[in-house]
């Protein structure tokens, strides 16, 4: 698995990185979860809810024992995909100084991917899916099926960093006063 990294502003991520992601299928995780994935030797599905996740407990692919992926490969509706990726799924995170890891599925494994359209065909309306973007890989994904891991850091803007520090200091003061 190839390892690479980038530090980008939110705007750079939305423009340049999105261009790199087009045509590929990838899973997004945090750096701490990535370390667990490396230790396990696989991206594990979370059907039983034992793993840290984004908190979506009624996700269509999770409920079927699949690992969720973003599918930007061969999609015929690029504008809808871009909208879903940037606004609904927020693949670049909140720009909160955290790092995301993009795990790119090897193209030879694309045929294993289950499209979001299965959700539509099943009329599984009570379960969550991101139309035009989300896809599932049945079972766990062995690391040898991951072509590349790309760590992306989107630092806080100076004004956001100042606001975050002030908020943390205020919360710290409240806890001190409560004790």
C-alpha atoms as a PDB file:
ATOM      1  CA  UNK A   1       0.000   0.000   0.000  1.00  0.00           C
ATOM      2  CA  UNK A   2       1.387   3.356  -1.024  1.00  0.00           C
ATOM      3  CA  UNK A   3       1.389   5.996   1.755  1.00  0.00           C
ATOM      4  CA  UNK A   4       1.217   9.726   1.024  1.00  0.00           C
ATOM      5  CA  UNK A   5       0.143  12.911   2.799  1.00  0.00           C
ATOM      6  CA  UNK A   6      -0.877  16.489   2.136  1.00  0.00           C
ATOM      7  CA  UNK A   7      -1.611  19.633   4.122  1.00  0.00           C
ATOM      8  CA  UNK A   8      -4.260  21.705   2.344  1.00  0.00           C
ATOM      9  CA  UNK A   9      -6.586  24.580   3.090  1.00  0.00           C
ATOM     10  CA  UNK A  10     -10.296  23.815   2.963  1.00  0.00           C
ATOM     11  CA  UNK A  11     -10.526  25.606  -0.406  1.00  0.00           C
ATOM     12  CA  UNK A  12      -7.601  23.617  -1.838  1.00  0.00           C
ATOM     13  CA  UNK A  13      -9.213  20.389  -0.664  1.00  0.00           C
ATOM     14  CA  UNK A  14     -12.507  21.277  -2.306  1.00  0.00           C
ATOM     15  CA  UNK A  15     -10.824  22.112  -5.605  1.00  0.00           C
ATOM     16  CA  UNK A  16      -7.585  20.177  -6.080  1.00  0.00           C
ATOM     17  CA  UNK A  17      -8.169  17.135  -3.931  1.00  0.00           C
ATOM     18  CA  UNK A  18     -11.663  16.567  -5.316  1.00  0.00           C
ATOM     19  CA  UNK A  19     -10.111  16.376  -8.793  1.00  0.00           C
ATOM     20  CA  UNK A  20      -7.721  13.666  -7.544  1.00  0.00           C
ATOM     21  CA  UNK A  21     -10.572  11.712  -5.979  1.00  0.00           C
ATOM     22  CA  UNK A  22     -12.669  11.638  -9.147  1.00  0.00           C
ATOM     23  CA  UNK A  23     -12.653   8.262 -10.807  1.00  0.00           C
ATOM     24  CA  UNK A  24     -11.706   6.433  -7.602  1.00  0.00           C
ATOM     25  CA  UNK A  25     -13.443   4.498  -4.849  1.00  0.00           C
ATOM     26  CA  UNK A  26     -12.274   5.245  -1.304  1.00  0.00           C
ATOM     27  CA  UNK A  27     -13.024   4.858   2.386  1.00  0.00           C
ATOM     28  CA  UNK A  28     -12.437   7.790   4.750  1.00  0.00           C
ATOM     29  CA  UNK A  29     -11.304   7.374   8.339  1.00  0.00           C
ATOM     30  CA  UNK A  30      -9.523   9.252  11.125  1.00  0.00           C
ATOM     31  CA  UNK A  31      -5.813   8.821  11.830  1.00  0.00           C
ATOM     32  CA  UNK A  32      -6.548   6.940  15.065  1.00  0.00           C
ATOM     33  CA  UNK A  33      -8.929   4.573  13.270  1.00  0.00           C
ATOM     34  CA  UNK A  34      -6.359   4.150  10.491  1.00  0.00           C
ATOM     35  CA  UNK A  35      -3.847   2.869  13.037  1.00  0.00           C
ATOM     36  CA  UNK A  36      -6.431   0.321  14.213  1.00  0.00           C
ATOM     37  CA  UNK A  37      -7.058  -0.708  10.596  1.00  0.00           C
ATOM     38  CA  UNK A  38      -3.320  -1.279  10.087  1.00  0.00           C
ATOM     39  CA  UNK A  39      -3.110  -3.324  13.307  1.00  0.00           C
ATOM     40  CA  UNK A  40      -6.113  -5.435  12.239  1.00  0.00           C
ATOM     41  CA  UNK A  41      -4.853  -5.837   8.675  1.00  0.00           C
ATOM     42  CA  UNK A  42      -8.277  -4.896   7.307  1.00  0.00           C
ATOM     43  CA  UNK A  43     -10.977  -2.245   7.192  1.00  0.00           C
ATOM     44  CA  UNK A  44     -13.594  -4.035   9.244  1.00  0.00           C
ATOM     45  CA  UNK A  45     -17.326  -3.677   8.747  1.00  0.00           C
ATOM     46  CA  UNK A  46     -19.214  -2.454  11.806  1.00  0.00           C
ATOM     47  CA  UNK A  47     -22.481  -4.366  11.634  1.00  0.00           C
ATOM     48  CA  UNK A  48     -22.296  -5.222  15.339  1.00  0.00           C
ATOM     49  CA  UNK A  49     -21.512  -1.596  16.318  1.00  0.00           C
ATOM     50  CA  UNK A  50     -18.338  -2.483  18.235  1.00  0.00           C
ATOM     51  CA  UNK A  51     -16.042  -0.126  16.304  1.00  0.00           C
ATOM     52  CA  UNK A  52     -15.754   3.663  16.557  1.00  0.00           C
ATOM     53  CA  UNK A  53     -17.865   5.190  13.820  1.00  0.00           C
ATOM     54  CA  UNK A  54     -19.477   8.409  12.667  1.00  0.00           C
ATOM     55  CA  UNK A  55     -22.468   7.621  14.877  1.00  0.00           C
ATOM     56  CA  UNK A  56     -24.882   6.562  12.139  1.00  0.00           C
ATOM     57  CA  UNK A  57     -26.480   3.528  13.765  1.00  0.00           C
ATOM     58  CA  UNK A  58     -29.057   2.850  11.049  1.00  0.00           C
ATOM     59  CA  UNK A  59     -26.831   3.004   7.989  1.00  0.00           C
ATOM     60  CA  UNK A  60     -27.873   0.889   5.004  1.00  0.00           C
ATOM     61  CA  UNK A  61     -24.452  -0.596   4.255  1.00  0.00           C
ATOM     62  CA  UNK A  62     -23.510  -1.053   7.916  1.00  0.00           C
ATOM     63  CA  UNK A  63     -26.721  -3.004   8.490  1.00  0.00           C
ATOM     64  CA  UNK A  64     -25.688  -5.383   5.685  1.00  0.00           C
ATOM     65  CA  UNK A  65     -22.195  -6.030   7.027  1.00  0.00           C
ATOM     66  CA  UNK A  66     -20.504  -3.799   4.451  1.00  0.00           C
ATOM     67  CA  UNK A  67     -17.749  -1.201   4.717  1.00  0.00           C
ATOM     68  CA  UNK A  68     -18.949   2.166   3.366  1.00  0.00           C
ATOM     69  CA  UNK A  69     -17.004   3.742   0.517  1.00  0.00           C
ATOM     70  CA  UNK A  70     -17.318   6.909  -1.544  1.00  0.00           C
ATOM     71  CA  UNK A  71     -17.738   5.919  -5.176  1.00  0.00           C
ATOM     72  CA  UNK A  72     -16.451   8.555  -7.566  1.00  0.00           C
ATOM     73  CA  UNK A  73     -15.690   5.955 -10.244  1.00  0.00           C
ATOM     74  CA  UNK A  74     -17.701   6.108 -13.450  1.00  0.00           C
ATOM     75  CA  UNK A  75     -20.524   8.118 -11.925  1.00  0.00           C
ATOM     76  CA  UNK A  76     -22.666   9.683 -14.648  1.00  0.00           C
ATOM     77  CA  UNK A  77     -23.872  12.587 -12.500  1.00  0.00           C
ATOM     78  CA  UNK A  78     -20.719  14.482 -11.462  1.00  0.00           C
ATOM     79  CA  UNK A  79     -22.580  17.594 -10.249  1.00  0.00           C
ATOM     80  CA  UNK A  80     -24.813  15.565  -7.926  1.00  0.00           C
ATOM     81  CA  UNK A  81     -21.829  13.580  -6.710  1.00  0.00           C
ATOM     82  CA  UNK A  82     -19.839  16.741  -5.993  1.00  0.00           C
ATOM     83  CA  UNK A  83     -22.803  18.223  -4.104  1.00  0.00           C
ATOM     84  CA  UNK A  84     -23.264  15.055  -2.055  1.00  0.00           C
ATOM     85  CA  UNK A  85     -19.543  14.804  -1.370  1.00  0.00           C
ATOM     86  CA  UNK A  86     -19.084  18.397  -0.278  1.00  0.00           C
ATOM     87  CA  UNK A  87     -22.362  19.248   1.418  1.00  0.00           C
ATOM     88  CA  UNK A  88     -24.113  16.089   2.593  1.00  0.00           C
ATOM     89  CA  UNK A  89     -21.246  13.721   3.334  1.00  0.00           C
ATOM     90  CA  UNK A  90     -18.591  16.410   3.875  1.00  0.00           C
ATOM     91  CA  UNK A  91     -15.705  14.216   2.736  1.00  0.00           C
ATOM     92  CA  UNK A  92     -13.159  16.884   3.640  1.00  0.00           C
ATOM     93  CA  UNK A  93     -14.290  17.227   7.239  1.00  0.00           C
ATOM     94  CA  UNK A  94     -15.021  20.440   9.036  1.00  0.00           C
ATOM     95  CA  UNK A  95     -11.554  21.919   8.656  1.00  0.00           C
ATOM     96  CA  UNK A  96     -11.154  21.547  12.402  1.00  0.00           C
ATOM     97  CA  UNK A  97      -7.471  20.750  12.360  1.00  0.00           C
ATOM     98  CA  UNK A  98      -8.098  17.011  12.315  1.00  0.00           C
ATOM     99  CA  UNK A  99      -6.511  14.696   9.816  1.00  0.00           C
ATOM    100  CA  UNK A 100      -8.441  12.350   7.543  1.00  0.00           C
ATOM    101  CA  UNK A 101      -7.101   9.275   5.832  1.00  0.00           C
ATOM    102  CA  UNK A 102      -8.439   8.342   2.401  1.00  0.00           C
ATOM    103  CA  UNK A 103      -8.038   4.619   1.700  1.00  0.00           C
ATOM    104  CA  UNK A 104      -8.271   3.942  -2.033  1.00  0.00           C
ATOM    105  CA  UNK A 105      -9.621   0.579  -3.101  1.00  0.00           C
ATOM    106  CA  UNK A 106      -7.510  -1.171  -5.730  1.00  0.00           C
ATOM    107  CA  UNK A 107      -9.277  -0.857  -9.128  1.00  0.00           C
ATOM    108  CA  UNK A 108      -9.189  -4.642  -9.570  1.00  0.00           C
ATOM    109  CA  UNK A 109     -11.640  -4.845  -6.620  1.00  0.00           C
ATOM    110  CA  UNK A 110     -14.202  -2.339  -7.936  1.00  0.00           C
ATOM    111  CA  UNK A 111     -16.490  -5.168  -9.094  1.00  0.00           C
ATOM    112  CA  UNK A 112     -17.100  -6.070  -5.436  1.00  0.00           C
ATOM    113  CA  UNK A 113     -18.686  -2.677  -4.732  1.00  0.00           C
ATOM    114  CA  UNK A 114     -22.449  -2.488  -4.141  1.00  0.00           C
ATOM    115  CA  UNK A 115     -24.041   0.730  -5.435  1.00  0.00           C
ATOM    116  CA  UNK A 116     -26.313   3.000  -3.409  1.00  0.00           C
ATOM    117  CA  UNK A 117     -29.004   2.132  -5.976  1.00  0.00           C
ATOM    118  CA  UNK A 118     -29.576  -1.173  -4.142  1.00  0.00           C
ATOM    119  CA  UNK A 119     -30.975   0.915  -1.262  1.00  0.00           C
ATOM    120  CA  UNK A 120     -33.358   2.532  -3.741  1.00  0.00           C
ATOM    121  CA  UNK A 121     -34.355  -0.808  -5.309  1.00  0.00           C
ATOM    122  CA  UNK A 122     -35.010  -2.301  -1.849  1.00  0.00           C
ATOM    123  CA  UNK A 123     -36.958   0.814  -0.849  1.00  0.00           C
ATOM    124  CA  UNK A 124     -35.035   0.788   2.431  1.00  0.00           C
ATOM    125  CA  UNK A 125     -36.129   4.346   3.162  1.00  0.00           C
ATOM    126  CA  UNK A 126     -35.746   4.025   6.929  1.00  0.00           C
ATOM    127  CA  UNK A 127     -32.003   3.354   6.566  1.00  0.00           C
ATOM    128  CA  UNK A 128     -29.411   6.028   5.828  1.00  0.00           C
ATOM    129  CA  UNK A 129     -27.397   6.230   2.603  1.00  0.00           C
ATOM    130  CA  UNK A 130     -25.816   9.104   0.664  1.00  0.00           C
ATOM    131  CA  UNK A 131     -27.354   8.910  -2.820  1.00  0.00           C
ATOM    132  CA  UNK A 132     -25.034   9.289  -5.812  1.00  0.00           C
ATOM    133  CA  UNK A 133     -21.959   8.821  -3.614  1.00  0.00           C
ATOM    134  CA  UNK A 134     -22.027   6.059  -1.013  1.00  0.00           C
ATOM    135  CA  UNK A 135     -21.332   2.434  -1.871  1.00  0.00           C
ATOM    136  CA  UNK A 136     -20.644  -0.704   0.140  1.00  0.00           C
ATOM    137  CA  UNK A 137     -17.999  -3.406   0.120  1.00  0.00           C
ATOM    138  CA  UNK A 138     -19.378  -6.707   1.467  1.00  0.00           C
ATOM    139  CA  UNK A 139     -17.555  -7.845   4.590  1.00  0.00           C
ATOM    140  CA  UNK A 140     -14.187  -6.543   5.718  1.00  0.00           C
ATOM    141  CA  UNK A 141     -11.584  -5.179   3.278  1.00  0.00           C
ATOM    142  CA  UNK A 142      -8.125  -6.784   3.578  1.00  0.00           C
ATOM    143  CA  UNK A 143      -5.347  -4.190   3.431  1.00  0.00           C
ATOM    144  CA  UNK A 144      -3.809  -5.842   0.365  1.00  0.00           C
ATOM    145  CA  UNK A 145      -6.938  -4.654  -1.507  1.00  0.00           C
ATOM    146  CA  UNK A 146      -6.141  -1.028  -0.590  1.00  0.00           C
ATOM    147  CA  UNK A 147      -3.994   0.617  -3.240  1.00  0.00           C
ATOM    148  CA  UNK A 148      -3.096   3.814  -1.378  1.00  0.00           C
ATOM    149  CA  UNK A 149      -3.549   5.591   1.945  1.00  0.00           C
ATOM    150  CA  UNK A 150      -3.589   9.393   1.680  1.00  0.00           C
ATOM    151  CA  UNK A 151      -3.417  11.383   4.934  1.00  0.00           C
ATOM    152  CA  UNK A 152      -4.926  14.851   4.512  1.00  0.00           C
ATOM    153  CA  UNK A 153      -4.562  17.614   7.086  1.00  0.00           C
ATOM    154  CA  UNK A 154      -6.825  20.653   6.793  1.00  0.00           C
ATOM    155  CA  UNK A 155      -5.647  23.064   9.492  1.00  0.00           C
ATOM    156  CA  UNK A 156      -7.905  25.514  11.222  1.00  0.00           C
ATOM    157  CA  UNK A 157      -8.005  29.032   9.853  1.00  0.00           C
ATOM    158  CA  UNK A 158      -6.500  31.584  12.277  1.00  0.00           C
ATOM    159  CA  UNK A 159      -9.932  32.992  13.205  1.00  0.00           C
ATOM    160  CA  UNK A 160     -11.356  29.498  13.793  1.00  0.00           C
ATOM    161  CA  UNK A 161      -8.307  28.553  15.898  1.00  0.00           C
ATOM    162  CA  UNK A 162      -8.745  31.688  18.033  1.00  0.00           C
ATOM    163  CA  UNK A 163     -12.455  30.907  18.525  1.00  0.00           C
ATOM    164  CA  UNK A 164     -11.701  27.271  19.440  1.00  0.00           C
ATOM    165  CA  UNK A 165      -9.037  28.306  21.989  1.00  0.00           C
ATOM    166  CA  UNK A 166     -11.408  30.842  23.581  1.00  0.00           C
ATOM    167  CA  UNK A 167     -14.193  28.247  23.775  1.00  0.00           C
ATOM    168  CA  UNK A 168     -11.882  25.656  25.348  1.00  0.00           C
ATOM    169  CA  UNK A 169     -10.598  28.197  27.873  1.00  0.00           C
ATOM    170  CA  UNK A 170     -14.152  29.193  28.797  1.00  0.00           C
ATOM    171  CA  UNK A 171     -15.152  25.534  29.255  1.00  0.00           C
ATOM    172  CA  UNK A 172     -12.048  24.912  31.327  1.00  0.00           C
ATOM    173  CA  UNK A 173     -12.930  27.867  33.553  1.00  0.00           C
ATOM    174  CA  UNK A 174     -16.493  26.578  34.001  1.00  0.00           C
ATOM    175  CA  UNK A 175     -15.235  23.149  35.100  1.00  0.00           C
ATOM    176  CA  UNK A 176     -12.768  24.767  37.528  1.00  0.00           C
ATOM    177  CA  UNK A 177     -15.511  26.939  39.052  1.00  0.00           C
ATOM    178  CA  UNK A 178     -17.883  23.953  39.354  1.00  0.00           C
ATOM    179  CA  UNK A 179     -15.297  22.028  41.406  1.00  0.00           C
END
